[in-house]
N, C-alpha and C. Protein backbone atom coordinates (compact mmCIF):
# COMPACT_ATOMS: atom_id res chain seq x y z
N MET A 1 -10.33 6.33 -22.07
CA MET A 1 -10.15 4.88 -21.99
C MET A 1 -10.98 4.32 -20.83
N GLU A 2 -11.88 3.39 -21.11
CA GLU A 2 -12.72 2.82 -20.07
C GLU A 2 -11.92 1.87 -19.19
N ARG A 3 -12.23 1.88 -17.91
CA ARG A 3 -11.50 1.04 -16.96
C ARG A 3 -11.95 -0.42 -17.06
N THR A 4 -10.99 -1.34 -16.98
CA THR A 4 -11.25 -2.77 -16.88
C THR A 4 -11.01 -3.20 -15.44
N PRO A 5 -12.01 -3.72 -14.73
CA PRO A 5 -11.80 -4.14 -13.34
C PRO A 5 -10.64 -5.13 -13.22
N PHE A 6 -9.82 -4.93 -12.22
CA PHE A 6 -8.63 -5.74 -12.01
C PHE A 6 -8.97 -7.23 -11.91
N GLY A 7 -10.03 -7.54 -11.17
CA GLY A 7 -10.38 -8.94 -10.96
C GLY A 7 -10.85 -9.67 -12.19
N GLU A 8 -11.15 -8.93 -13.26
CA GLU A 8 -11.62 -9.55 -14.50
C GLU A 8 -10.49 -9.77 -15.50
N THR A 9 -9.26 -9.50 -15.09
CA THR A 9 -8.11 -9.68 -15.96
C THR A 9 -7.22 -10.81 -15.44
N ARG A 10 -6.23 -11.17 -16.22
CA ARG A 10 -5.29 -12.21 -15.80
C ARG A 10 -4.48 -11.79 -14.59
N TYR A 11 -4.40 -10.47 -14.34
CA TYR A 11 -3.64 -9.98 -13.19
C TYR A 11 -4.34 -10.31 -11.88
N GLY A 12 -5.64 -10.52 -11.93
CA GLY A 12 -6.41 -10.77 -10.73
C GLY A 12 -6.01 -12.03 -9.99
N ALA A 13 -5.40 -12.98 -10.69
CA ALA A 13 -5.00 -14.24 -10.08
C ALA A 13 -3.51 -14.27 -9.73
N LEU A 14 -2.90 -13.10 -9.69
CA LEU A 14 -1.45 -13.00 -9.53
C LEU A 14 -0.93 -13.72 -8.29
N PHE A 15 -1.64 -13.60 -7.17
CA PHE A 15 -1.15 -14.17 -5.92
C PHE A 15 -1.90 -15.43 -5.51
N ASP A 16 -2.46 -16.14 -6.48
CA ASP A 16 -3.25 -17.32 -6.14
C ASP A 16 -2.40 -18.54 -5.78
N ASP A 17 -1.13 -18.50 -6.10
CA ASP A 17 -0.28 -19.63 -5.74
C ASP A 17 1.13 -19.15 -5.45
N ARG A 18 1.92 -20.06 -4.93
CA ARG A 18 3.29 -19.72 -4.52
C ARG A 18 4.12 -19.24 -5.70
N GLU A 19 3.95 -19.86 -6.85
CA GLU A 19 4.74 -19.48 -8.02
C GLU A 19 4.42 -18.06 -8.46
N GLY A 20 3.13 -17.69 -8.34
CA GLY A 20 2.74 -16.32 -8.68
C GLY A 20 3.42 -15.31 -7.79
N VAL A 21 3.49 -15.61 -6.50
CA VAL A 21 4.17 -14.72 -5.55
C VAL A 21 5.64 -14.61 -5.89
N ARG A 22 6.27 -15.72 -6.21
CA ARG A 22 7.70 -15.72 -6.51
C ARG A 22 8.00 -14.90 -7.77
N LYS A 23 7.16 -15.06 -8.78
CA LYS A 23 7.36 -14.30 -10.02
C LYS A 23 7.21 -12.81 -9.76
N TYR A 24 6.18 -12.45 -8.97
CA TYR A 24 5.97 -11.04 -8.64
C TYR A 24 7.18 -10.48 -7.90
N ALA A 25 7.65 -11.22 -6.90
CA ALA A 25 8.80 -10.75 -6.11
C ALA A 25 10.04 -10.59 -6.98
N LYS A 26 10.23 -11.52 -7.91
CA LYS A 26 11.41 -11.46 -8.76
C LYS A 26 11.38 -10.23 -9.66
N HIS A 27 10.23 -9.93 -10.22
CA HIS A 27 10.14 -8.83 -11.18
C HIS A 27 9.89 -7.47 -10.55
N HIS A 28 9.30 -7.46 -9.34
CA HIS A 28 8.91 -6.18 -8.74
C HIS A 28 9.54 -5.92 -7.37
N GLY A 29 10.32 -6.87 -6.88
CA GLY A 29 10.91 -6.71 -5.55
C GLY A 29 11.76 -5.46 -5.41
N ALA A 30 12.61 -5.20 -6.41
CA ALA A 30 13.50 -4.04 -6.33
C ALA A 30 12.69 -2.75 -6.30
N ARG A 31 11.64 -2.68 -7.13
CA ARG A 31 10.80 -1.48 -7.13
C ARG A 31 10.08 -1.32 -5.81
N SER A 32 9.57 -2.42 -5.26
CA SER A 32 8.87 -2.36 -3.97
C SER A 32 9.80 -1.89 -2.86
N ARG A 33 11.04 -2.35 -2.88
CA ARG A 33 12.01 -1.89 -1.88
C ARG A 33 12.28 -0.40 -2.04
N LYS A 34 12.40 0.05 -3.28
CA LYS A 34 12.66 1.47 -3.53
C LYS A 34 11.50 2.32 -3.05
N VAL A 35 10.26 1.87 -3.30
CA VAL A 35 9.09 2.60 -2.83
C VAL A 35 9.06 2.62 -1.30
N GLY A 36 9.39 1.47 -0.67
CA GLY A 36 9.43 1.43 0.78
C GLY A 36 10.45 2.40 1.35
N GLU A 37 11.60 2.50 0.72
CA GLU A 37 12.62 3.46 1.16
C GLU A 37 12.11 4.90 1.04
N SER A 38 11.42 5.19 -0.06
CA SER A 38 10.91 6.55 -0.25
C SER A 38 9.79 6.86 0.73
N PHE A 39 8.93 5.87 1.01
CA PHE A 39 7.90 6.05 2.03
C PHE A 39 8.55 6.35 3.39
N GLY A 40 9.57 5.56 3.72
CA GLY A 40 10.25 5.74 5.00
C GLY A 40 10.89 7.11 5.12
N GLN A 41 11.54 7.56 4.05
CA GLN A 41 12.16 8.87 4.07
C GLN A 41 11.13 9.98 4.21
N ARG A 42 10.01 9.83 3.50
CA ARG A 42 8.97 10.85 3.58
C ARG A 42 8.36 10.92 4.97
N LEU A 43 8.09 9.75 5.57
CA LEU A 43 7.56 9.74 6.93
C LEU A 43 8.54 10.38 7.91
N ALA A 44 9.83 10.06 7.76
CA ALA A 44 10.84 10.67 8.62
C ALA A 44 10.88 12.18 8.45
N ASP A 45 10.77 12.65 7.20
CA ASP A 45 10.76 14.09 6.93
C ASP A 45 9.57 14.77 7.60
N LEU A 46 8.46 14.04 7.72
CA LEU A 46 7.25 14.58 8.33
C LEU A 46 7.25 14.42 9.85
N GLY A 47 8.32 13.85 10.37
CA GLY A 47 8.43 13.68 11.81
C GLY A 47 7.79 12.42 12.35
N VAL A 48 7.40 11.50 11.47
CA VAL A 48 6.80 10.23 11.89
C VAL A 48 7.91 9.20 11.96
N ARG A 49 8.48 9.02 13.14
CA ARG A 49 9.63 8.14 13.30
C ARG A 49 9.43 7.07 14.37
N GLU A 50 8.33 7.14 15.12
CA GLU A 50 8.08 6.18 16.18
C GLU A 50 6.62 5.71 16.11
N GLY A 51 6.36 4.54 16.70
CA GLY A 51 5.00 4.02 16.72
C GLY A 51 4.83 2.87 15.74
N ARG A 52 3.61 2.71 15.25
CA ARG A 52 3.26 1.61 14.36
C ARG A 52 2.89 2.12 12.98
N VAL A 53 3.39 1.43 11.95
CA VAL A 53 3.03 1.77 10.58
C VAL A 53 2.51 0.51 9.89
N LEU A 54 1.44 0.67 9.14
CA LEU A 54 0.82 -0.44 8.41
C LEU A 54 1.15 -0.35 6.93
N ASP A 55 1.58 -1.46 6.35
CA ASP A 55 1.70 -1.58 4.90
C ASP A 55 0.46 -2.32 4.43
N ALA A 56 -0.51 -1.58 3.89
CA ALA A 56 -1.79 -2.15 3.48
C ALA A 56 -1.66 -2.78 2.11
N GLY A 57 -1.58 -4.10 2.07
CA GLY A 57 -1.35 -4.83 0.84
C GLY A 57 0.13 -5.10 0.67
N ALA A 58 0.70 -5.92 1.55
CA ALA A 58 2.15 -6.03 1.67
C ALA A 58 2.81 -6.89 0.59
N GLY A 59 2.03 -7.66 -0.17
CA GLY A 59 2.61 -8.43 -1.27
C GLY A 59 3.72 -9.36 -0.81
N SER A 60 4.89 -9.23 -1.42
CA SER A 60 6.03 -10.09 -1.10
C SER A 60 6.77 -9.64 0.15
N GLY A 61 6.38 -8.51 0.73
CA GLY A 61 7.00 -8.04 1.97
C GLY A 61 8.14 -7.07 1.78
N ASP A 62 8.56 -6.82 0.55
CA ASP A 62 9.73 -5.96 0.31
C ASP A 62 9.53 -4.53 0.79
N THR A 63 8.33 -3.98 0.58
CA THR A 63 8.07 -2.60 1.02
C THR A 63 8.13 -2.51 2.54
N ALA A 64 7.52 -3.48 3.23
CA ALA A 64 7.53 -3.47 4.69
C ALA A 64 8.95 -3.59 5.24
N ILE A 65 9.76 -4.44 4.63
CA ILE A 65 11.14 -4.61 5.08
C ILE A 65 11.92 -3.31 4.90
N ALA A 66 11.76 -2.68 3.74
CA ALA A 66 12.46 -1.41 3.49
C ALA A 66 12.01 -0.33 4.46
N LEU A 67 10.71 -0.32 4.78
CA LEU A 67 10.19 0.64 5.76
C LEU A 67 10.86 0.45 7.11
N ALA A 68 10.94 -0.79 7.55
CA ALA A 68 11.54 -1.07 8.86
C ALA A 68 13.01 -0.66 8.90
N GLU A 69 13.72 -0.85 7.80
CA GLU A 69 15.13 -0.46 7.76
C GLU A 69 15.28 1.06 7.75
N ALA A 70 14.33 1.75 7.11
CA ALA A 70 14.40 3.21 7.03
C ALA A 70 13.94 3.88 8.33
N LEU A 71 13.09 3.18 9.09
CA LEU A 71 12.51 3.75 10.32
C LEU A 71 12.80 2.80 11.48
N PRO A 72 14.02 2.83 12.01
CA PRO A 72 14.45 1.84 13.00
C PRO A 72 13.73 1.89 14.34
N GLN A 73 12.93 2.92 14.58
CA GLN A 73 12.20 3.01 15.85
C GLN A 73 10.71 2.68 15.69
N MET A 74 10.32 2.22 14.51
CA MET A 74 8.92 1.93 14.26
C MET A 74 8.66 0.43 14.13
N GLU A 75 7.48 0.02 14.56
CA GLU A 75 6.98 -1.33 14.34
C GLU A 75 6.21 -1.35 13.03
N VAL A 76 6.50 -2.31 12.16
CA VAL A 76 5.87 -2.39 10.84
C VAL A 76 4.99 -3.64 10.76
N VAL A 77 3.75 -3.44 10.33
CA VAL A 77 2.82 -4.55 10.14
C VAL A 77 2.43 -4.60 8.67
N GLY A 78 2.59 -5.75 8.05
CA GLY A 78 2.19 -5.93 6.66
C GLY A 78 0.88 -6.69 6.59
N LEU A 79 -0.11 -6.13 5.91
CA LEU A 79 -1.42 -6.78 5.76
C LEU A 79 -1.46 -7.50 4.41
N LEU A 80 -1.65 -8.82 4.45
CA LEU A 80 -1.67 -9.64 3.25
C LEU A 80 -3.09 -10.06 2.93
N ALA A 81 -3.44 -10.04 1.67
CA ALA A 81 -4.79 -10.43 1.25
C ALA A 81 -5.07 -11.90 1.50
N ARG A 82 -4.04 -12.72 1.49
CA ARG A 82 -4.19 -14.15 1.78
C ARG A 82 -2.86 -14.64 2.31
N GLU A 83 -2.89 -15.78 2.97
CA GLU A 83 -1.66 -16.34 3.53
C GLU A 83 -0.74 -16.77 2.40
N VAL A 84 0.49 -16.28 2.44
CA VAL A 84 1.49 -16.67 1.45
C VAL A 84 2.19 -17.92 1.97
N GLU A 85 2.15 -18.98 1.18
CA GLU A 85 2.59 -20.27 1.67
C GLU A 85 4.04 -20.30 2.12
N ASP A 86 4.91 -19.62 1.37
CA ASP A 86 6.33 -19.67 1.75
C ASP A 86 6.71 -18.52 2.69
N GLN A 87 5.74 -17.69 3.10
CA GLN A 87 5.96 -16.64 4.08
C GLN A 87 7.21 -15.82 3.74
N ALA A 88 7.26 -15.35 2.51
CA ALA A 88 8.45 -14.66 2.01
C ALA A 88 8.82 -13.46 2.87
N GLY A 89 7.82 -12.66 3.27
CA GLY A 89 8.11 -11.47 4.07
C GLY A 89 8.70 -11.81 5.42
N GLU A 90 8.15 -12.82 6.10
CA GLU A 90 8.65 -13.21 7.41
C GLU A 90 10.07 -13.75 7.31
N ILE A 91 10.35 -14.49 6.25
CA ILE A 91 11.69 -15.02 6.05
C ILE A 91 12.68 -13.87 5.86
N GLN A 92 12.31 -12.89 5.05
CA GLN A 92 13.18 -11.73 4.84
C GLN A 92 13.42 -10.99 6.15
N ALA A 93 12.36 -10.78 6.92
CA ALA A 93 12.49 -10.05 8.18
C ALA A 93 13.45 -10.77 9.12
N ASP A 94 13.32 -12.10 9.18
CA ASP A 94 14.20 -12.89 10.05
C ASP A 94 15.64 -12.82 9.56
N ASP A 95 15.85 -12.95 8.26
CA ASP A 95 17.20 -12.92 7.69
C ASP A 95 17.88 -11.58 7.94
N ARG A 96 17.12 -10.51 7.99
CA ARG A 96 17.69 -9.17 8.15
C ARG A 96 17.68 -8.71 9.61
N GLY A 97 17.32 -9.60 10.52
CA GLY A 97 17.33 -9.25 11.93
C GLY A 97 16.23 -8.29 12.33
N LEU A 98 15.08 -8.36 11.61
CA LEU A 98 13.99 -7.42 11.86
C LEU A 98 12.74 -8.10 12.41
N ALA A 99 12.85 -9.36 12.77
CA ALA A 99 11.67 -10.12 13.18
C ALA A 99 10.98 -9.54 14.40
N ASP A 100 11.71 -8.79 15.22
CA ASP A 100 11.11 -8.21 16.42
C ASP A 100 10.30 -6.95 16.11
N ARG A 101 10.44 -6.41 14.89
CA ARG A 101 9.73 -5.18 14.53
C ARG A 101 8.85 -5.31 13.30
N VAL A 102 8.92 -6.43 12.60
CA VAL A 102 8.13 -6.62 11.38
C VAL A 102 7.28 -7.88 11.52
N SER A 103 5.99 -7.73 11.25
CA SER A 103 5.09 -8.87 11.29
C SER A 103 4.11 -8.78 10.13
N PHE A 104 3.52 -9.91 9.78
CA PHE A 104 2.57 -9.96 8.67
C PHE A 104 1.28 -10.62 9.14
N VAL A 105 0.17 -10.01 8.75
CA VAL A 105 -1.15 -10.45 9.18
C VAL A 105 -2.01 -10.69 7.94
N GLU A 106 -2.73 -11.81 7.94
CA GLU A 106 -3.65 -12.07 6.83
C GLU A 106 -4.94 -11.30 7.06
N GLY A 107 -5.41 -10.60 6.05
CA GLY A 107 -6.64 -9.84 6.19
C GLY A 107 -7.00 -9.10 4.92
N ASP A 108 -8.13 -8.43 4.96
CA ASP A 108 -8.70 -7.74 3.81
C ASP A 108 -8.54 -6.23 4.00
N CYS A 109 -8.00 -5.55 3.01
CA CYS A 109 -7.85 -4.09 3.09
C CYS A 109 -9.20 -3.38 3.15
N GLN A 110 -10.26 -4.07 2.78
CA GLN A 110 -11.60 -3.49 2.82
C GLN A 110 -12.30 -3.73 4.15
N ALA A 111 -11.71 -4.56 5.00
CA ALA A 111 -12.26 -4.86 6.33
C ALA A 111 -11.09 -5.29 7.21
N MET A 112 -10.29 -4.35 7.64
CA MET A 112 -9.02 -4.65 8.31
C MET A 112 -9.22 -5.19 9.72
N PRO A 113 -8.40 -6.17 10.11
CA PRO A 113 -8.53 -6.80 11.42
C PRO A 113 -7.79 -6.04 12.52
N PHE A 114 -7.98 -4.72 12.58
CA PHE A 114 -7.30 -3.89 13.56
C PHE A 114 -8.30 -2.98 14.26
N ASP A 115 -7.94 -2.56 15.48
CA ASP A 115 -8.78 -1.63 16.23
C ASP A 115 -8.75 -0.24 15.62
N ASP A 116 -9.72 0.58 15.98
CA ASP A 116 -9.74 1.98 15.56
C ASP A 116 -8.49 2.69 16.08
N ASP A 117 -8.00 3.66 15.32
CA ASP A 117 -6.89 4.54 15.75
C ASP A 117 -5.65 3.74 16.15
N HIS A 118 -5.36 2.66 15.44
CA HIS A 118 -4.31 1.72 15.85
C HIS A 118 -2.93 2.09 15.33
N PHE A 119 -2.87 2.80 14.19
CA PHE A 119 -1.58 3.06 13.55
C PHE A 119 -1.25 4.55 13.50
N HIS A 120 0.04 4.84 13.61
CA HIS A 120 0.51 6.21 13.47
C HIS A 120 0.67 6.59 12.00
N ALA A 121 0.82 5.58 11.15
CA ALA A 121 0.95 5.82 9.71
C ALA A 121 0.47 4.59 8.95
N VAL A 122 -0.01 4.82 7.74
CA VAL A 122 -0.38 3.74 6.82
C VAL A 122 0.26 4.06 5.47
N VAL A 123 0.85 3.06 4.85
CA VAL A 123 1.35 3.21 3.49
C VAL A 123 0.70 2.13 2.62
N SER A 124 0.63 2.39 1.32
CA SER A 124 0.06 1.41 0.41
C SER A 124 0.61 1.65 -0.99
N GLN A 125 1.01 0.58 -1.63
CA GLN A 125 1.57 0.66 -2.98
C GLN A 125 0.79 -0.24 -3.94
N ASP A 126 0.19 0.37 -4.96
CA ASP A 126 -0.46 -0.35 -6.06
C ASP A 126 -1.48 -1.39 -5.58
N ILE A 127 -2.32 -0.99 -4.64
CA ILE A 127 -3.37 -1.87 -4.14
C ILE A 127 -4.76 -1.30 -4.41
N LEU A 128 -4.88 0.03 -4.43
CA LEU A 128 -6.20 0.65 -4.53
C LEU A 128 -6.99 0.15 -5.73
N HIS A 129 -6.33 -0.04 -6.87
CA HIS A 129 -7.04 -0.47 -8.08
C HIS A 129 -7.32 -1.97 -8.09
N CYS A 130 -6.74 -2.71 -7.13
CA CYS A 130 -6.90 -4.17 -7.11
C CYS A 130 -8.14 -4.62 -6.35
N VAL A 131 -8.57 -3.82 -5.37
CA VAL A 131 -9.68 -4.25 -4.51
C VAL A 131 -11.02 -3.95 -5.19
N PRO A 132 -12.03 -4.78 -4.95
CA PRO A 132 -13.35 -4.55 -5.56
C PRO A 132 -14.01 -3.26 -5.08
N ASP A 133 -13.74 -2.84 -3.83
CA ASP A 133 -14.40 -1.67 -3.26
C ASP A 133 -13.35 -0.71 -2.70
N PRO A 134 -12.78 0.15 -3.53
CA PRO A 134 -11.73 1.06 -3.06
C PRO A 134 -12.23 2.06 -2.03
N VAL A 135 -13.51 2.43 -2.10
CA VAL A 135 -14.05 3.36 -1.09
C VAL A 135 -14.00 2.71 0.29
N ALA A 136 -14.33 1.42 0.37
CA ALA A 136 -14.25 0.70 1.64
C ALA A 136 -12.81 0.65 2.14
N MET A 137 -11.86 0.46 1.25
CA MET A 137 -10.45 0.45 1.65
C MET A 137 -10.05 1.79 2.24
N VAL A 138 -10.43 2.89 1.59
CA VAL A 138 -10.10 4.21 2.11
C VAL A 138 -10.76 4.45 3.46
N SER A 139 -12.01 4.03 3.61
CA SER A 139 -12.71 4.17 4.88
C SER A 139 -12.01 3.40 5.99
N GLU A 140 -11.51 2.21 5.66
CA GLU A 140 -10.80 1.41 6.64
C GLU A 140 -9.46 2.05 7.02
N ILE A 141 -8.77 2.62 6.06
CA ILE A 141 -7.53 3.33 6.36
C ILE A 141 -7.80 4.47 7.32
N GLU A 142 -8.85 5.22 7.05
CA GLU A 142 -9.22 6.33 7.93
C GLU A 142 -9.56 5.82 9.33
N ARG A 143 -10.21 4.69 9.41
CA ARG A 143 -10.60 4.14 10.71
C ARG A 143 -9.41 3.71 11.55
N VAL A 144 -8.45 3.01 10.93
CA VAL A 144 -7.33 2.46 11.71
C VAL A 144 -6.24 3.47 11.99
N LEU A 145 -6.25 4.60 11.29
CA LEU A 145 -5.28 5.66 11.53
C LEU A 145 -5.68 6.46 12.76
N GLU A 146 -4.72 6.73 13.64
CA GLU A 146 -5.01 7.59 14.77
C GLU A 146 -5.32 9.01 14.24
N PRO A 147 -5.98 9.85 15.05
CA PRO A 147 -6.42 11.17 14.56
C PRO A 147 -5.33 12.03 13.93
N THR A 148 -4.10 11.92 14.42
CA THR A 148 -3.01 12.72 13.83
C THR A 148 -2.12 11.88 12.91
N GLY A 149 -2.64 10.72 12.47
CA GLY A 149 -1.85 9.82 11.64
C GLY A 149 -1.69 10.29 10.21
N THR A 150 -0.76 9.64 9.50
CA THR A 150 -0.40 10.02 8.13
C THR A 150 -0.57 8.85 7.18
N LEU A 151 -1.12 9.12 6.01
CA LEU A 151 -1.23 8.14 4.93
C LEU A 151 -0.34 8.54 3.78
N LEU A 152 0.40 7.56 3.26
CA LEU A 152 1.13 7.70 2.00
C LEU A 152 0.67 6.57 1.09
N LEU A 153 0.06 6.90 -0.03
CA LEU A 153 -0.48 5.90 -0.95
C LEU A 153 0.02 6.21 -2.35
N ARG A 154 0.60 5.20 -2.97
CA ARG A 154 1.09 5.36 -4.36
C ARG A 154 0.42 4.30 -5.21
N ASN A 155 0.00 4.70 -6.42
CA ASN A 155 -0.71 3.76 -7.29
C ASN A 155 -0.46 4.11 -8.75
N ILE A 156 -0.44 3.08 -9.61
CA ILE A 156 -0.41 3.38 -11.03
C ILE A 156 -1.71 4.10 -11.39
N ARG A 157 -1.70 4.85 -12.49
CA ARG A 157 -2.92 5.55 -12.89
C ARG A 157 -3.26 5.18 -14.33
N ARG A 158 -4.54 5.23 -14.64
CA ARG A 158 -4.99 4.90 -15.99
C ARG A 158 -4.60 6.02 -16.94
N CYS A 159 -3.92 5.65 -17.99
CA CYS A 159 -3.44 6.63 -18.96
C CYS A 159 -3.23 5.91 -20.29
N TRP A 160 -2.66 6.60 -21.26
CA TRP A 160 -2.49 6.03 -22.59
C TRP A 160 -1.62 4.79 -22.60
N LEU A 161 -0.81 4.57 -21.53
CA LEU A 161 0.03 3.38 -21.47
C LEU A 161 -0.80 2.10 -21.42
N GLY A 162 -2.10 2.24 -21.13
CA GLY A 162 -2.97 1.09 -21.15
C GLY A 162 -3.05 0.40 -22.50
N TRP A 163 -2.77 1.15 -23.57
CA TRP A 163 -2.76 0.55 -24.90
C TRP A 163 -1.52 -0.32 -25.11
N LEU A 164 -0.49 -0.12 -24.28
CA LEU A 164 0.75 -0.90 -24.38
C LEU A 164 0.82 -2.00 -23.32
N ASP A 165 0.31 -1.71 -22.14
CA ASP A 165 0.33 -2.66 -21.03
C ASP A 165 -1.04 -2.63 -20.36
N GLY A 166 -1.76 -3.75 -20.46
CA GLY A 166 -3.14 -3.79 -20.00
C GLY A 166 -3.34 -3.49 -18.53
N VAL A 167 -2.30 -3.64 -17.70
CA VAL A 167 -2.48 -3.40 -16.28
C VAL A 167 -2.87 -1.94 -16.00
N PHE A 168 -2.44 -1.02 -16.86
CA PHE A 168 -2.78 0.38 -16.66
C PHE A 168 -4.27 0.64 -16.92
N LYS A 169 -4.91 -0.23 -17.67
CA LYS A 169 -6.35 -0.10 -17.88
C LYS A 169 -7.15 -0.43 -16.63
N THR A 170 -6.53 -1.16 -15.69
CA THR A 170 -7.23 -1.55 -14.47
C THR A 170 -7.15 -0.47 -13.40
N ALA A 171 -6.34 0.56 -13.62
CA ALA A 171 -6.14 1.61 -12.62
C ALA A 171 -7.19 2.70 -12.74
N TYR A 172 -7.15 3.64 -11.81
CA TYR A 172 -8.07 4.78 -11.81
C TYR A 172 -7.36 6.04 -12.28
N THR A 173 -8.14 6.97 -12.80
CA THR A 173 -7.59 8.29 -13.13
C THR A 173 -7.50 9.11 -11.85
N ALA A 174 -6.78 10.22 -11.92
CA ALA A 174 -6.66 11.09 -10.76
C ALA A 174 -8.03 11.61 -10.32
N HIS A 175 -8.88 11.93 -11.29
CA HIS A 175 -10.23 12.41 -10.98
C HIS A 175 -11.02 11.34 -10.22
N GLU A 176 -10.92 10.10 -10.67
CA GLU A 176 -11.64 9.01 -10.01
C GLU A 176 -11.11 8.79 -8.60
N VAL A 177 -9.80 8.88 -8.43
CA VAL A 177 -9.23 8.70 -7.10
C VAL A 177 -9.70 9.81 -6.15
N ARG A 178 -9.78 11.03 -6.64
CA ARG A 178 -10.30 12.12 -5.80
C ARG A 178 -11.71 11.80 -5.31
N ASP A 179 -12.54 11.27 -6.21
CA ASP A 179 -13.90 10.90 -5.82
C ASP A 179 -13.89 9.78 -4.77
N ILE A 180 -12.99 8.80 -4.95
CA ILE A 180 -12.88 7.69 -4.00
C ILE A 180 -12.47 8.20 -2.62
N LEU A 181 -11.51 9.11 -2.58
CA LEU A 181 -11.05 9.65 -1.30
C LEU A 181 -12.16 10.42 -0.59
N ARG A 182 -12.91 11.18 -1.36
CA ARG A 182 -14.02 11.95 -0.76
C ARG A 182 -15.09 11.00 -0.22
N GLU A 183 -15.47 10.01 -1.02
CA GLU A 183 -16.51 9.08 -0.59
C GLU A 183 -16.05 8.25 0.61
N GLY A 184 -14.75 7.98 0.69
CA GLY A 184 -14.20 7.20 1.79
C GLY A 184 -14.03 8.00 3.07
N GLY A 185 -14.26 9.32 3.01
CA GLY A 185 -14.18 10.15 4.20
C GLY A 185 -12.77 10.36 4.71
N LEU A 186 -11.79 10.35 3.81
CA LEU A 186 -10.40 10.50 4.22
C LEU A 186 -10.14 11.90 4.77
N ARG A 187 -9.30 12.00 5.77
CA ARG A 187 -8.87 13.27 6.35
C ARG A 187 -8.21 14.14 5.29
N PRO A 188 -7.84 15.40 5.60
CA PRO A 188 -7.26 16.27 4.58
C PRO A 188 -6.17 15.58 3.77
N TRP A 189 -6.23 15.71 2.45
CA TRP A 189 -5.33 14.99 1.56
C TRP A 189 -4.95 15.85 0.36
N ARG A 190 -3.91 15.41 -0.33
CA ARG A 190 -3.53 16.02 -1.60
C ARG A 190 -2.98 14.93 -2.51
N ILE A 191 -3.07 15.18 -3.82
CA ILE A 191 -2.60 14.22 -4.81
C ILE A 191 -1.53 14.85 -5.69
N GLN A 192 -0.48 14.10 -5.91
CA GLN A 192 0.55 14.49 -6.87
C GLN A 192 0.46 13.51 -8.05
N VAL A 193 0.26 14.02 -9.24
CA VAL A 193 0.10 13.19 -10.43
C VAL A 193 1.41 13.13 -11.19
N GLY A 194 1.91 11.92 -11.41
CA GLY A 194 3.13 11.71 -12.16
C GLY A 194 2.86 11.13 -13.54
N PHE A 195 3.92 10.71 -14.21
CA PHE A 195 3.80 10.19 -15.57
C PHE A 195 2.96 8.91 -15.61
N MET A 196 3.28 7.95 -14.74
CA MET A 196 2.56 6.68 -14.72
C MET A 196 1.84 6.43 -13.41
N THR A 197 2.10 7.24 -12.40
CA THR A 197 1.58 7.00 -11.07
C THR A 197 0.93 8.25 -10.49
N LEU A 198 0.26 8.05 -9.38
CA LEU A 198 -0.20 9.17 -8.57
C LEU A 198 0.09 8.85 -7.12
N THR A 199 0.35 9.87 -6.35
CA THR A 199 0.69 9.72 -4.94
C THR A 199 -0.26 10.53 -4.09
N VAL A 200 -0.83 9.90 -3.08
CA VAL A 200 -1.75 10.56 -2.15
C VAL A 200 -1.04 10.71 -0.80
N GLU A 201 -1.09 11.91 -0.24
CA GLU A 201 -0.64 12.14 1.13
C GLU A 201 -1.82 12.68 1.91
N ALA A 202 -2.00 12.18 3.13
CA ALA A 202 -3.09 12.66 3.98
C ALA A 202 -2.58 12.71 5.42
N GLY A 203 -3.00 13.75 6.11
CA GLY A 203 -2.58 13.90 7.50
C GLY A 203 -2.51 15.35 7.90
N PRO A 204 -1.98 15.62 9.08
CA PRO A 204 -1.93 17.00 9.60
C PRO A 204 -1.21 17.98 8.69
N HIS A 205 -0.17 17.51 8.00
CA HIS A 205 0.63 18.42 7.17
C HIS A 205 -0.13 18.87 5.91
N THR A 206 -1.23 18.18 5.58
CA THR A 206 -1.99 18.57 4.39
C THR A 206 -3.17 19.48 4.72
N ALA A 207 -3.41 19.72 6.01
CA ALA A 207 -4.52 20.57 6.40
C ALA A 207 -4.26 22.01 5.99
N SER A 208 -5.30 22.69 5.55
CA SER A 208 -5.15 24.08 5.11
C SER A 208 -5.11 25.01 6.30
């Protein structure tokens, strides 16, 4: 199945207005929170419990909020592709008493507004297939991660489900993602391929 670029589909305009953000949060908020909880648990299992963690492509903010709740000693920064008018993530953080540890920054995952070696961990959910240059995104993740930092990245993958739901046609195969990671110069990594998704882990624990 040939890939359809995300930006050339109706999904590409998903976050162009406030209503789009609200619809996304309504339909995907619970899943984003669940992924954030799993990211937090995995980081804790790996001993990453303090410092700064970046949610690259924070969307409605649910993943970042769940991360902060799962990792009470970490500062969480959510990177948004554009300013969300109703600031849904910041409102959630304030409502949950997390405003001192959760913040959101407008920026591009392909050219992040952070210093080198700035984060102890980076997480990302369903963003890799959305950006025009995924290799640049991976290179930026590698740049902002400190030398012993950890990446957890989860993404839908292109598979036969694309015939039922067009969004899967916009994703990459596991083989393509491996090529993207290599071209992006990512530190030692491994991929776990699931039914509809793939998960990338990179960091000291993946070194041979």
